[in-house]
Protein backbone atom coordinates (compact mmCIF):
# COMPACT_ATOMS: atom_id res chain seq x y z
CA MET A 1 -10.34 20.58 -12.42
CA GLY A 2 -9.07 22.86 -9.67
CA VAL A 3 -5.40 23.48 -8.95
CA ILE A 4 -5.62 21.90 -5.48
CA MET A 5 -7.28 18.79 -6.90
CA GLU A 6 -4.59 18.49 -9.59
CA LYS A 7 -1.85 18.68 -6.96
CA ARG A 8 -3.57 16.00 -4.90
CA LEU A 9 -3.94 13.74 -7.93
CA ARG A 10 -0.27 14.19 -8.80
CA ILE A 11 0.68 13.20 -5.24
CA TYR A 12 -1.69 10.22 -5.34
CA ASN A 13 -0.22 9.10 -8.67
CA VAL A 14 3.33 9.24 -7.30
CA ILE A 15 2.34 7.36 -4.15
CA GLY A 16 0.43 4.80 -6.21
CA ALA A 17 3.40 4.23 -8.53
CA ILE A 18 5.75 3.75 -5.57
CA VAL A 19 3.38 1.29 -3.93
CA VAL A 20 2.70 -0.75 -7.07
CA PHE A 21 6.17 -0.78 -8.66
CA VAL A 22 8.37 -0.68 -5.55
CA GLY A 23 6.34 -1.57 -2.48
CA ILE A 24 4.60 -4.66 -3.85
CA PRO A 25 7.76 -6.24 -5.38
CA VAL A 26 9.65 -5.69 -2.12
CA LEU A 27 6.75 -7.15 -0.12
CA LEU A 28 6.46 -10.21 -2.36
CA TYR A 29 10.21 -10.70 -2.20
CA THR A 30 10.21 -10.41 1.60
CA LEU A 31 7.31 -12.81 2.09
CA GLY A 32 8.61 -15.36 -0.40
CA GLU A 33 9.37 -18.78 1.06
CA TYR A 34 12.80 -19.73 -0.29
CA PRO A 35 16.22 -20.28 1.29
CA ARG A 36 18.02 -17.01 1.99
CA ARG A 37 21.57 -16.60 0.74
CA SER A 38 24.36 -14.13 1.43
CA ILE A 39 23.58 -10.42 1.80
CA LEU A 40 25.35 -9.70 -1.50
CA LYS A 41 23.31 -12.26 -3.44
CA GLU A 42 20.03 -11.15 -1.89
CA THR A 43 20.86 -7.50 -2.58
CA ILE A 44 21.57 -8.29 -6.24
CA SER A 45 18.32 -10.26 -6.48
CA LEU A 46 16.24 -7.46 -4.96
CA MET A 47 17.93 -4.84 -7.12
CA THR A 48 17.19 -6.89 -10.25
CA ILE A 49 13.57 -7.41 -9.26
CA LEU A 50 13.09 -3.67 -8.70
CA ALA A 51 14.84 -2.83 -11.97
CA PHE A 52 12.46 -5.11 -13.84
CA SER A 53 9.35 -3.79 -12.08
CA LEU A 54 10.38 -0.20 -12.81
CA MET A 55 10.88 -1.14 -16.45
CA LEU A 56 7.24 -2.24 -16.40
CA LEU A 57 6.42 1.21 -15.06
CA GLN A 58 7.76 2.65 -18.32
CA PHE A 59 4.63 1.51 -20.14
CA PHE A 60 2.54 3.64 -17.79
CA LEU A 61 4.78 6.70 -18.20
CA ALA A 62 4.26 6.94 -21.94
CA ARG A 63 2.16 9.28 -24.08
CA SER A 64 -0.40 6.49 -24.28
CA ASN A 65 -1.47 7.09 -20.67
CA ASN A 66 -4.03 9.85 -21.20
CA TYR A 67 -5.13 9.75 -17.57
CA LEU A 68 -1.62 10.52 -16.39
CA LEU A 69 -1.22 13.43 -18.80
CA LYS A 70 -4.40 15.08 -17.50
CA VAL A 71 -2.67 16.00 -14.24
CA HIS A 72 1.05 15.80 -15.11
CA LYS A 73 2.93 17.91 -17.63
CA MET A 74 4.22 15.94 -20.58
CA ALA A 75 7.72 17.35 -20.11
CA SER A 76 7.84 16.08 -16.51
CA VAL A 77 6.58 12.63 -17.49
CA VAL A 78 9.18 12.38 -20.28
CA LYS A 79 11.99 13.32 -17.86
CA VAL A 80 10.96 10.61 -15.39
CA HIS A 81 10.51 8.14 -18.25
CA LYS A 82 14.03 8.84 -19.55
CA PHE A 83 15.62 8.75 -16.09
CA ILE A 84 14.10 5.38 -15.22
CA GLY A 85 14.87 4.04 -18.67
CA TYR A 86 18.56 4.96 -18.77
CA PHE A 87 19.23 4.26 -15.09
CA PHE A 88 17.58 0.87 -14.82
CA ILE A 89 18.52 -0.28 -18.30
CA THR A 90 22.09 0.15 -17.05
CA ILE A 91 21.36 -2.11 -14.08
CA LEU A 92 19.74 -4.75 -16.28
CA LEU A 93 22.59 -4.55 -18.79
CA VAL A 94 25.09 -5.53 -16.08
CA HIS A 95 22.72 -8.22 -14.79
CA PRO A 96 24.70 -11.14 -16.31
CA PHE A 97 27.86 -9.88 -14.64
CA LEU A 98 26.09 -9.36 -11.31
CA ILE A 99 25.02 -13.00 -11.34
CA VAL A 100 28.64 -14.17 -11.21
CA LEU A 101 29.90 -11.33 -9.01
CA PRO A 102 29.50 -13.34 -5.74
CA ARG A 103 31.87 -15.97 -7.21
CA PHE A 104 34.75 -13.57 -6.58
CA PHE A 105 34.12 -13.95 -2.84
CA GLU A 106 33.44 -17.69 -2.79
CA SER A 107 35.55 -20.77 -3.27
CA GLY A 108 34.78 -23.13 -6.11
CA VAL A 109 34.05 -22.26 -9.73
CA ASP A 110 36.15 -19.45 -11.18
CA PRO A 111 34.03 -16.33 -11.97
CA LYS A 112 35.21 -16.29 -15.60
CA ASP A 113 34.30 -19.94 -16.07
CA ALA A 114 30.93 -19.36 -14.43
CA PHE A 115 30.20 -16.42 -16.75
CA LEU A 116 31.23 -18.37 -19.87
CA THR A 117 29.04 -21.27 -18.78
CA LEU A 118 26.15 -18.87 -18.21
CA ILE A 119 26.27 -17.23 -21.64
CA THR A 120 26.91 -20.47 -23.55
CA SER A 121 24.15 -22.60 -22.02
CA PHE A 122 22.21 -22.70 -25.27
CA ASP A 123 20.44 -25.88 -24.23
CA ARG A 124 18.40 -23.87 -21.74
CA SER A 125 15.52 -21.90 -23.26
CA GLY A 126 15.57 -19.42 -20.38
CA VAL A 127 19.16 -18.43 -21.19
CA ILE A 128 18.34 -17.91 -24.87
CA LEU A 129 15.31 -15.80 -23.93
CA GLY A 130 17.50 -13.75 -21.62
CA MET A 131 20.03 -13.14 -24.39
CA LEU A 132 17.31 -12.07 -26.83
CA ALA A 133 15.80 -9.77 -24.19
CA TYR A 134 19.26 -8.37 -23.46
CA ALA A 135 19.89 -7.62 -27.16
CA THR A 136 16.46 -6.01 -27.52
CA MET A 137 16.97 -3.87 -24.43
CA LEU A 138 20.37 -2.74 -25.72
CA LEU A 139 18.76 -1.79 -29.03
CA ILE A 140 16.06 0.18 -27.19
CA GLY A 141 18.68 2.06 -25.19
CA LEU A 142 20.85 2.88 -28.21
CA THR A 143 17.99 3.98 -30.47
CA SER A 144 16.60 6.13 -27.66
CA PHE A 145 19.92 7.77 -26.87
CA PHE A 146 20.75 8.45 -30.53
CA ARG A 147 17.15 9.14 -31.61
CA LYS A 148 17.87 12.57 -33.08
CA LYS A 149 20.67 11.16 -35.22
CA LEU A 150 18.57 8.38 -36.75
CA PRO A 151 17.41 8.90 -40.37
CA ILE A 152 13.74 8.47 -39.43
CA THR A 153 10.95 10.74 -38.28
CA TYR A 154 9.95 11.02 -34.64
CA LYS A 155 6.62 9.36 -35.39
CA THR A 156 8.36 6.37 -37.00
CA TRP A 157 10.78 6.15 -34.10
CA ARG A 158 7.91 6.11 -31.60
CA ILE A 159 6.27 3.18 -33.36
CA PHE A 160 9.61 1.37 -33.60
CA HIS A 161 10.29 2.11 -29.93
CA GLY A 162 6.87 0.77 -28.94
CA ILE A 163 7.32 -2.43 -30.95
CA LEU A 164 10.74 -3.06 -29.43
CA SER A 165 9.34 -2.40 -25.95
CA VAL A 166 6.57 -4.97 -26.42
CA ILE A 167 9.06 -7.54 -27.71
CA PHE A 168 11.40 -6.83 -24.81
CA ILE A 169 8.73 -7.17 -22.13
CA GLY A 170 7.54 -10.42 -23.66
CA LEU A 171 11.03 -11.93 -23.81
CA ALA A 172 12.14 -10.55 -20.43
CA SER A 173 8.98 -11.68 -18.63
CA TRP A 174 9.30 -15.18 -20.09
CA HIS A 175 12.96 -15.27 -19.10
CA VAL A 176 12.23 -14.10 -15.54
CA LEU A 177 9.35 -16.52 -15.04
CA SER A 178 11.33 -19.48 -16.36
CA MET A 179 14.62 -18.83 -14.55
CA GLY A 180 13.97 -16.44 -11.70
CA ARG A 181 14.97 -17.93 -8.35
CA HIS A 182 12.41 -15.90 -6.45
CA ILE A 183 9.47 -16.63 -8.75
CA ASN A 184 6.31 -17.93 -7.10
CA LEU A 185 2.60 -17.70 -7.90
CA ALA A 186 2.19 -14.19 -6.46
CA ILE A 187 5.14 -12.73 -8.38
CA THR A 188 4.05 -14.54 -11.54
CA VAL A 189 0.59 -12.98 -11.35
CA TYR A 190 2.12 -9.57 -10.57
CA ILE A 191 4.41 -9.67 -13.62
CA LEU A 192 1.76 -11.01 -15.99
CA VAL A 193 -0.91 -8.52 -14.93
CA LEU A 194 1.33 -5.46 -15.23
CA SER A 195 2.88 -6.68 -18.49
CA ILE A 196 -0.52 -7.30 -20.09
CA LEU A 197 -1.96 -3.98 -18.87
CA GLY A 198 1.11 -2.08 -20.04
CA VAL A 199 1.15 -3.65 -23.49
CA GLN A 200 -2.61 -3.21 -23.85
CA LEU A 201 -2.28 0.47 -22.96
CA LEU A 202 0.34 0.91 -25.66
CA LEU A 203 -1.51 -1.07 -28.32
CA ASN A 204 -4.80 0.71 -27.62
CA THR A 205 -3.09 4.01 -28.36
CA TYR A 206 -1.70 2.83 -31.68
CA PHE A 207 -4.96 1.25 -32.78
CA SER A 208 -7.07 4.21 -31.64
CA ASN A 209 -4.78 6.59 -33.54
CA SER A 210 -5.04 4.40 -36.64
CA SER A 211 -8.83 4.28 -36.33
CA LYS A 212 -9.07 8.07 -36.02
CA LYS A 213 -6.92 8.55 -39.11
CA ALA A 214 -8.91 5.98 -41.07
CA GLY A 215 -12.13 7.65 -40.04
CA GLY A 216 -10.82 11.05 -41.02
CA LYS A 217 -10.01 10.01 -44.58
């Protein structure tokens, strides 16, 4: 593959990622038919949607994406993967607090009471799923940040990281689809398709590696 072609493919990949993981969510959000709220609330909603879609992108920025690594250096992919992970995990970690943030500028329920009600609504499956996803995401962030200090090998950590990622996407997607205010058929299909493709890409890598090792014995 020529140098010029590699550069073009890298540009196409970047454009494609922006279109799929930023452009499409914004378009679906803009075209959605639901009552608009205050600028602050809509900004928080859009920011959360983009954070989630870019977390889905993480599956496609992993070592399992052989196509991507043919034209991009592994070091560059890892840097982008880490940046998106740490930056948007931070946004999703403050998500529960962002939900009640507008209460500070509205009359009615006290923000503290609203937050306590939110995190103690155990009768709602969507809330429980959100809490489980939140805990899993926090574990992913901590084990990634302190990876070199963990008493396990890099290979074991990668498998553990992959398993946690699959669990997180499953819980988070279920939570979003069951409680998301802006969820409609188009966004549902978008989330399910990317989640399934991302998980399949990861699982194929693990299974293919296992098959190669089994065949080599």
